């Protein structure tokens, strides 16, 4: 169960105002971040560089490009290269999205740690 780390009896009107202002700023930053997240494109390549992929922040694969040399090593190797390039593109897009959220949080909550926040939220939701 969630319990506040403060004494509700000690809350002053200016504390409520400060939290309300932070809430407004967080909503504004989330709207900005959402727009910026739509523009994120992650890039990845296979180990041999013959396969390249791009992905959006939501993980959707946008493009896969094959160099003609990619097919020389057979279908199994090609499939592995495609999967690796796509995975790396998705990871790159996720890293960019995490960086965007981290920067947005720092604007409102200096010193905030998105990884710790994500960990705490996952424990609460489980």
N, C-alpha and C. Protein backbone atom coordinates (compact mmCIF):
# COMPACT_ATOMS: atom_id res chain seq x y z
N UNK A 1 0.84 -1.17 0.00
CA UNK A 1 0.00 0.00 0.00
C UNK A 1 0.88 1.24 0.00
N UNK A 2 0.47 2.25 -0.73
CA UNK A 2 1.22 3.50 -0.82
C UNK A 2 0.90 4.37 0.39
N UNK A 3 1.95 4.89 1.03
CA UNK A 3 1.79 5.82 2.13
C UNK A 3 2.63 7.05 1.86
N UNK A 4 2.07 8.24 2.08
CA UNK A 4 2.86 9.44 1.84
C UNK A 4 4.01 9.54 2.83
N UNK A 5 5.12 10.16 2.41
CA UNK A 5 6.30 10.35 3.26
C UNK A 5 6.25 11.69 3.97
N UNK A 6 5.07 12.22 4.19
CA UNK A 6 4.95 13.51 4.85
C UNK A 6 3.73 13.50 5.76
N UNK A 7 3.70 14.46 6.65
CA UNK A 7 2.58 14.61 7.57
C UNK A 7 1.53 15.50 6.91
N UNK A 8 0.37 14.97 6.56
CA UNK A 8 -0.64 15.78 5.88
C UNK A 8 -1.04 17.02 6.67
N UNK A 9 -0.91 16.97 7.98
CA UNK A 9 -1.26 18.12 8.80
C UNK A 9 -0.30 19.29 8.66
N UNK A 10 0.87 19.03 8.10
CA UNK A 10 1.87 20.10 7.97
C UNK A 10 1.88 20.73 6.57
N UNK A 11 0.95 20.35 5.71
CA UNK A 11 0.89 20.90 4.36
C UNK A 11 0.36 22.33 4.41
N UNK A 12 1.12 23.22 3.78
CA UNK A 12 0.74 24.63 3.75
C UNK A 12 0.17 24.97 2.37
N UNK A 13 -0.60 26.06 2.28
CA UNK A 13 -1.17 26.44 0.98
C UNK A 13 -0.10 26.63 -0.10
N UNK A 14 1.04 27.20 0.25
CA UNK A 14 2.09 27.40 -0.75
C UNK A 14 2.68 26.06 -1.23
N UNK A 15 2.62 25.02 -0.37
CA UNK A 15 3.07 23.69 -0.80
C UNK A 15 2.12 23.14 -1.87
N UNK A 16 0.83 23.33 -1.65
CA UNK A 16 -0.16 22.86 -2.61
C UNK A 16 0.00 23.61 -3.93
N UNK A 17 0.23 24.92 -3.84
CA UNK A 17 0.43 25.73 -5.06
C UNK A 17 1.66 25.25 -5.83
N UNK A 18 2.75 24.96 -5.11
CA UNK A 18 3.98 24.51 -5.76
C UNK A 18 3.76 23.19 -6.48
N UNK A 19 3.08 22.26 -5.82
CA UNK A 19 2.80 20.96 -6.44
C UNK A 19 1.89 21.13 -7.64
N UNK A 20 0.90 22.00 -7.55
CA UNK A 20 0.00 22.25 -8.68
C UNK A 20 0.76 22.82 -9.86
N UNK A 21 1.70 23.75 -9.60
CA UNK A 21 2.53 24.32 -10.68
C UNK A 21 3.39 23.25 -11.31
N UNK A 22 3.95 22.36 -10.49
CA UNK A 22 4.75 21.27 -11.03
C UNK A 22 3.89 20.36 -11.91
N UNK A 23 2.66 20.11 -11.48
CA UNK A 23 1.75 19.27 -12.26
C UNK A 23 1.46 19.86 -13.62
N UNK A 24 1.23 21.16 -13.65
CA UNK A 24 0.99 21.84 -14.93
C UNK A 24 2.22 21.72 -15.82
N UNK A 25 3.39 21.95 -15.25
CA UNK A 25 4.64 21.88 -16.03
C UNK A 25 4.88 20.46 -16.55
N UNK A 26 4.59 19.46 -15.71
CA UNK A 26 4.76 18.06 -16.13
C UNK A 26 3.84 17.76 -17.31
N UNK A 27 2.58 18.19 -17.24
CA UNK A 27 1.65 17.97 -18.36
C UNK A 27 2.16 18.64 -19.64
N UNK A 28 2.67 19.86 -19.52
CA UNK A 28 3.21 20.55 -20.69
C UNK A 28 4.40 19.80 -21.27
N UNK A 29 5.31 19.36 -20.40
CA UNK A 29 6.49 18.64 -20.86
C UNK A 29 6.12 17.30 -21.49
N UNK A 30 5.14 16.62 -20.92
CA UNK A 30 4.70 15.36 -21.49
C UNK A 30 4.12 15.55 -22.89
N UNK A 31 3.36 16.62 -23.08
CA UNK A 31 2.82 16.91 -24.41
C UNK A 31 3.94 17.19 -25.40
N UNK A 32 4.92 17.99 -24.97
CA UNK A 32 6.08 18.28 -25.84
C UNK A 32 6.85 17.00 -26.13
N UNK A 33 7.08 16.19 -25.10
CA UNK A 33 7.85 14.96 -25.26
C UNK A 33 7.14 13.98 -26.19
N UNK A 34 5.81 13.94 -26.08
CA UNK A 34 5.04 13.04 -26.95
C UNK A 34 5.22 13.42 -28.41
N UNK A 35 5.18 14.72 -28.70
CA UNK A 35 5.40 15.18 -30.07
C UNK A 35 6.81 14.85 -30.54
N UNK A 36 7.79 15.08 -29.66
CA UNK A 36 9.18 14.79 -30.03
C UNK A 36 9.40 13.29 -30.19
N UNK A 37 8.72 12.48 -29.39
CA UNK A 37 8.88 11.02 -29.48
C UNK A 37 8.42 10.50 -30.83
N UNK A 38 7.43 11.16 -31.41
CA UNK A 38 6.94 10.74 -32.72
C UNK A 38 7.99 10.92 -33.81
N UNK A 39 8.97 11.78 -33.55
CA UNK A 39 10.02 12.06 -34.53
C UNK A 39 11.26 11.18 -34.33
N UNK A 40 11.29 10.40 -33.26
CA UNK A 40 12.46 9.56 -32.98
C UNK A 40 12.56 8.44 -34.01
N UNK A 41 13.76 8.28 -34.54
CA UNK A 41 14.05 7.17 -35.45
C UNK A 41 15.36 6.56 -34.99
N UNK A 42 15.30 5.30 -34.58
CA UNK A 42 16.50 4.58 -34.18
C UNK A 42 17.09 3.88 -35.38
N UNK A 43 18.40 3.70 -35.35
CA UNK A 43 19.09 3.04 -36.46
C UNK A 43 19.93 1.88 -35.93
N UNK A 44 20.01 0.85 -36.73
CA UNK A 44 20.82 -0.30 -36.35
C UNK A 44 21.33 -1.02 -37.59
N UNK A 45 22.38 -1.78 -37.39
CA UNK A 45 22.96 -2.55 -38.50
C UNK A 45 23.38 -3.92 -37.98
N UNK A 46 23.46 -4.86 -38.92
CA UNK A 46 23.96 -6.18 -38.57
C UNK A 46 25.47 -6.12 -38.37
N UNK A 47 26.04 -7.20 -37.89
CA UNK A 47 27.47 -7.23 -37.61
C UNK A 47 28.33 -6.99 -38.84
N UNK A 48 27.86 -7.42 -40.00
CA UNK A 48 28.66 -7.27 -41.21
C UNK A 48 28.38 -5.96 -41.95
N UNK A 49 27.36 -5.22 -41.50
CA UNK A 49 27.05 -3.94 -42.11
C UNK A 49 26.30 -4.03 -43.43
N UNK A 50 25.89 -5.24 -43.79
CA UNK A 50 25.17 -5.41 -45.05
C UNK A 50 23.66 -5.23 -44.90
N UNK A 51 23.21 -5.18 -43.65
CA UNK A 51 21.78 -4.99 -43.36
C UNK A 51 21.65 -3.81 -42.42
N UNK A 52 20.77 -2.89 -42.77
CA UNK A 52 20.51 -1.71 -41.93
C UNK A 52 19.01 -1.61 -41.71
N UNK A 53 18.64 -1.12 -40.53
CA UNK A 53 17.22 -0.99 -40.21
C UNK A 53 16.98 0.31 -39.44
N UNK A 54 15.76 0.80 -39.52
CA UNK A 54 15.34 1.92 -38.71
C UNK A 54 14.04 1.53 -38.01
N UNK A 55 13.82 2.14 -36.82
CA UNK A 55 12.63 1.84 -36.04
C UNK A 55 12.16 3.09 -35.32
N UNK A 56 10.86 3.14 -35.06
CA UNK A 56 10.27 4.25 -34.31
C UNK A 56 10.38 3.97 -32.81
N UNK A 57 10.08 4.98 -32.01
CA UNK A 57 10.17 4.85 -30.55
C UNK A 57 9.23 3.78 -30.00
N UNK A 58 8.13 3.52 -30.70
CA UNK A 58 7.19 2.49 -30.24
C UNK A 58 7.61 1.09 -30.68
N UNK A 59 8.77 0.97 -31.32
CA UNK A 59 9.29 -0.32 -31.74
C UNK A 59 8.94 -0.70 -33.17
N UNK A 60 8.07 0.05 -33.81
CA UNK A 60 7.68 -0.26 -35.18
C UNK A 60 8.87 -0.15 -36.11
N UNK A 61 9.08 -1.17 -36.92
CA UNK A 61 10.16 -1.17 -37.90
C UNK A 61 9.73 -0.28 -39.06
N UNK A 62 10.57 0.69 -39.37
CA UNK A 62 10.26 1.63 -40.44
C UNK A 62 10.84 1.21 -41.77
N UNK A 63 12.06 0.67 -41.71
CA UNK A 63 12.73 0.31 -42.97
C UNK A 63 13.82 -0.71 -42.69
N UNK A 64 14.00 -1.61 -43.64
CA UNK A 64 15.11 -2.56 -43.63
C UNK A 64 15.76 -2.47 -45.00
N UNK A 65 17.07 -2.23 -45.00
CA UNK A 65 17.81 -2.08 -46.25
C UNK A 65 18.86 -3.18 -46.33
N UNK A 66 18.89 -3.86 -47.48
CA UNK A 66 19.85 -4.94 -47.69
C UNK A 66 20.85 -4.55 -48.75
N UNK A 67 22.10 -4.66 -48.42
CA UNK A 67 23.17 -4.50 -49.39
C UNK A 67 23.17 -5.79 -50.23
N UNK A 68 23.46 -5.73 -51.52
CA UNK A 68 23.47 -6.95 -52.34
C UNK A 68 24.37 -8.05 -51.77
N UNK A 69 25.41 -7.67 -51.05
CA UNK A 69 26.32 -8.67 -50.48
C UNK A 69 25.67 -9.45 -49.34
N UNK A 70 24.54 -8.96 -48.80
CA UNK A 70 23.90 -9.59 -47.65
C UNK A 70 23.42 -11.01 -47.96
N UNK A 71 23.04 -11.27 -49.20
CA UNK A 71 22.47 -12.58 -49.55
C UNK A 71 23.52 -13.64 -49.83
N UNK A 72 24.76 -13.26 -49.88
CA UNK A 72 25.83 -14.21 -50.23
C UNK A 72 26.05 -15.28 -49.18
N UNK A 73 25.69 -14.99 -47.93
CA UNK A 73 26.00 -15.95 -46.87
C UNK A 73 24.83 -16.89 -46.57
N UNK A 74 23.78 -16.84 -47.36
CA UNK A 74 22.66 -17.77 -47.18
C UNK A 74 21.52 -17.18 -46.37
N UNK A 75 20.39 -17.86 -46.46
CA UNK A 75 19.17 -17.34 -45.86
C UNK A 75 19.22 -17.31 -44.33
N UNK A 76 19.83 -18.29 -43.71
CA UNK A 76 19.90 -18.32 -42.24
C UNK A 76 20.73 -17.14 -41.71
N UNK A 77 21.88 -16.92 -42.31
CA UNK A 77 22.74 -15.80 -41.89
C UNK A 77 22.05 -14.47 -42.17
N UNK A 78 21.36 -14.39 -43.30
CA UNK A 78 20.64 -13.16 -43.64
C UNK A 78 19.54 -12.88 -42.62
N UNK A 79 18.80 -13.91 -42.24
CA UNK A 79 17.73 -13.74 -41.25
C UNK A 79 18.31 -13.25 -39.92
N UNK A 80 19.43 -13.81 -39.51
CA UNK A 80 20.06 -13.38 -38.26
C UNK A 80 20.52 -11.92 -38.35
N UNK A 81 21.07 -11.53 -39.48
CA UNK A 81 21.52 -10.15 -39.67
C UNK A 81 20.33 -9.18 -39.65
N UNK A 82 19.23 -9.58 -40.26
CA UNK A 82 18.04 -8.73 -40.25
C UNK A 82 17.53 -8.56 -38.82
N UNK A 83 17.40 -9.66 -38.11
CA UNK A 83 16.92 -9.59 -36.72
C UNK A 83 17.84 -8.72 -35.86
N UNK A 84 19.13 -8.86 -36.04
CA UNK A 84 20.09 -8.08 -35.27
C UNK A 84 19.99 -6.59 -35.60
N UNK A 85 19.88 -6.27 -36.87
CA UNK A 85 19.77 -4.87 -37.28
C UNK A 85 18.48 -4.25 -36.72
N UNK A 86 17.39 -4.99 -36.81
CA UNK A 86 16.10 -4.49 -36.29
C UNK A 86 16.17 -4.32 -34.78
N UNK A 87 16.71 -5.30 -34.08
CA UNK A 87 16.83 -5.21 -32.62
C UNK A 87 17.66 -3.99 -32.22
N UNK A 88 18.76 -3.78 -32.91
CA UNK A 88 19.61 -2.63 -32.60
C UNK A 88 18.92 -1.30 -32.90
N UNK A 89 18.14 -1.26 -33.96
CA UNK A 89 17.39 -0.04 -34.29
C UNK A 89 16.34 0.24 -33.21
N UNK A 90 15.65 -0.81 -32.76
CA UNK A 90 14.65 -0.64 -31.71
C UNK A 90 15.30 -0.20 -30.40
N UNK A 91 16.44 -0.77 -30.08
CA UNK A 91 17.16 -0.38 -28.86
C UNK A 91 17.63 1.07 -28.94
N UNK A 92 18.08 1.48 -30.11
CA UNK A 92 18.51 2.87 -30.30
C UNK A 92 17.34 3.83 -30.12
N UNK A 93 16.19 3.48 -30.70
CA UNK A 93 15.01 4.33 -30.56
C UNK A 93 14.57 4.38 -29.10
N UNK A 94 14.61 3.25 -28.40
CA UNK A 94 14.23 3.23 -26.99
C UNK A 94 15.18 4.08 -26.15
N UNK A 95 16.47 4.00 -26.46
CA UNK A 95 17.46 4.82 -25.73
C UNK A 95 17.17 6.30 -25.94
N UNK A 96 16.86 6.67 -27.18
CA UNK A 96 16.54 8.07 -27.47
C UNK A 96 15.29 8.52 -26.71
N UNK A 97 14.29 7.65 -26.66
CA UNK A 97 13.05 7.98 -25.93
C UNK A 97 13.34 8.11 -24.44
N UNK A 98 14.16 7.22 -23.89
CA UNK A 98 14.53 7.31 -22.47
C UNK A 98 15.27 8.61 -22.19
N UNK A 99 16.17 8.98 -23.10
CA UNK A 99 16.91 10.24 -22.93
C UNK A 99 15.96 11.43 -22.94
N UNK A 100 14.97 11.39 -23.81
CA UNK A 100 13.98 12.46 -23.91
C UNK A 100 13.18 12.57 -22.60
N UNK A 101 12.74 11.45 -22.07
CA UNK A 101 11.99 11.45 -20.80
C UNK A 101 12.88 11.94 -19.67
N UNK A 102 14.12 11.47 -19.64
CA UNK A 102 15.06 11.88 -18.59
C UNK A 102 15.25 13.39 -18.59
N UNK A 103 15.45 13.96 -19.75
CA UNK A 103 15.65 15.41 -19.85
C UNK A 103 14.39 16.17 -19.46
N UNK A 104 13.24 15.66 -19.84
CA UNK A 104 11.99 16.30 -19.47
C UNK A 104 11.80 16.28 -17.96
N UNK A 105 12.07 15.14 -17.34
CA UNK A 105 11.93 15.03 -15.89
C UNK A 105 12.88 15.97 -15.16
N UNK A 106 14.09 16.07 -15.67
CA UNK A 106 15.09 16.94 -15.02
C UNK A 106 14.67 18.40 -15.03
N UNK A 107 13.90 18.80 -16.04
CA UNK A 107 13.44 20.19 -16.10
C UNK A 107 12.49 20.50 -14.95
N UNK A 108 11.69 19.52 -14.53
CA UNK A 108 10.72 19.75 -13.48
C UNK A 108 11.24 19.25 -12.13
N UNK A 109 11.91 18.10 -12.16
CA UNK A 109 12.41 17.49 -10.93
C UNK A 109 13.91 17.26 -11.04
N UNK A 110 14.72 18.28 -10.79
CA UNK A 110 16.17 18.11 -10.87
C UNK A 110 16.62 16.94 -9.98
N UNK A 111 17.48 16.13 -10.53
CA UNK A 111 17.99 14.98 -9.78
C UNK A 111 17.13 13.74 -9.88
N UNK A 112 16.02 13.81 -10.62
CA UNK A 112 15.15 12.65 -10.77
C UNK A 112 15.86 11.57 -11.57
N UNK A 113 15.64 10.33 -11.19
CA UNK A 113 16.26 9.20 -11.87
C UNK A 113 15.17 8.36 -12.54
N UNK A 114 15.03 8.47 -13.88
CA UNK A 114 13.97 7.74 -14.57
C UNK A 114 14.05 6.22 -14.38
N UNK A 115 15.27 5.69 -14.31
CA UNK A 115 15.41 4.23 -14.11
C UNK A 115 14.85 3.82 -12.76
N UNK A 116 15.15 4.60 -11.72
CA UNK A 116 14.62 4.30 -10.39
C UNK A 116 13.11 4.46 -10.36
N UNK A 117 12.61 5.48 -11.06
CA UNK A 117 11.17 5.71 -11.13
C UNK A 117 10.49 4.54 -11.84
N UNK A 118 11.06 4.10 -12.95
CA UNK A 118 10.49 2.97 -13.70
C UNK A 118 10.49 1.71 -12.83
N UNK A 119 11.57 1.49 -12.08
CA UNK A 119 11.67 0.34 -11.18
C UNK A 119 10.60 0.41 -10.10
N UNK A 120 10.44 1.58 -9.51
CA UNK A 120 9.45 1.75 -8.45
C UNK A 120 8.03 1.56 -8.98
N UNK A 121 7.76 2.11 -10.16
CA UNK A 121 6.44 1.92 -10.78
C UNK A 121 6.16 0.46 -11.10
N UNK A 122 7.16 -0.25 -11.57
CA UNK A 122 6.95 -1.67 -11.91
C UNK A 122 6.65 -2.48 -10.64
N UNK A 123 7.28 -2.13 -9.50
CA UNK A 123 6.99 -2.83 -8.25
C UNK A 123 5.57 -2.51 -7.78
N UNK A 124 5.14 -1.26 -7.96
CA UNK A 124 3.80 -0.86 -7.55
C UNK A 124 2.75 -1.57 -8.40
N UNK A 125 3.00 -1.67 -9.70
CA UNK A 125 2.02 -2.24 -10.62
C UNK A 125 1.98 -3.76 -10.59
N UNK A 126 3.01 -4.39 -10.08
CA UNK A 126 3.03 -5.86 -10.05
C UNK A 126 2.12 -6.44 -9.00
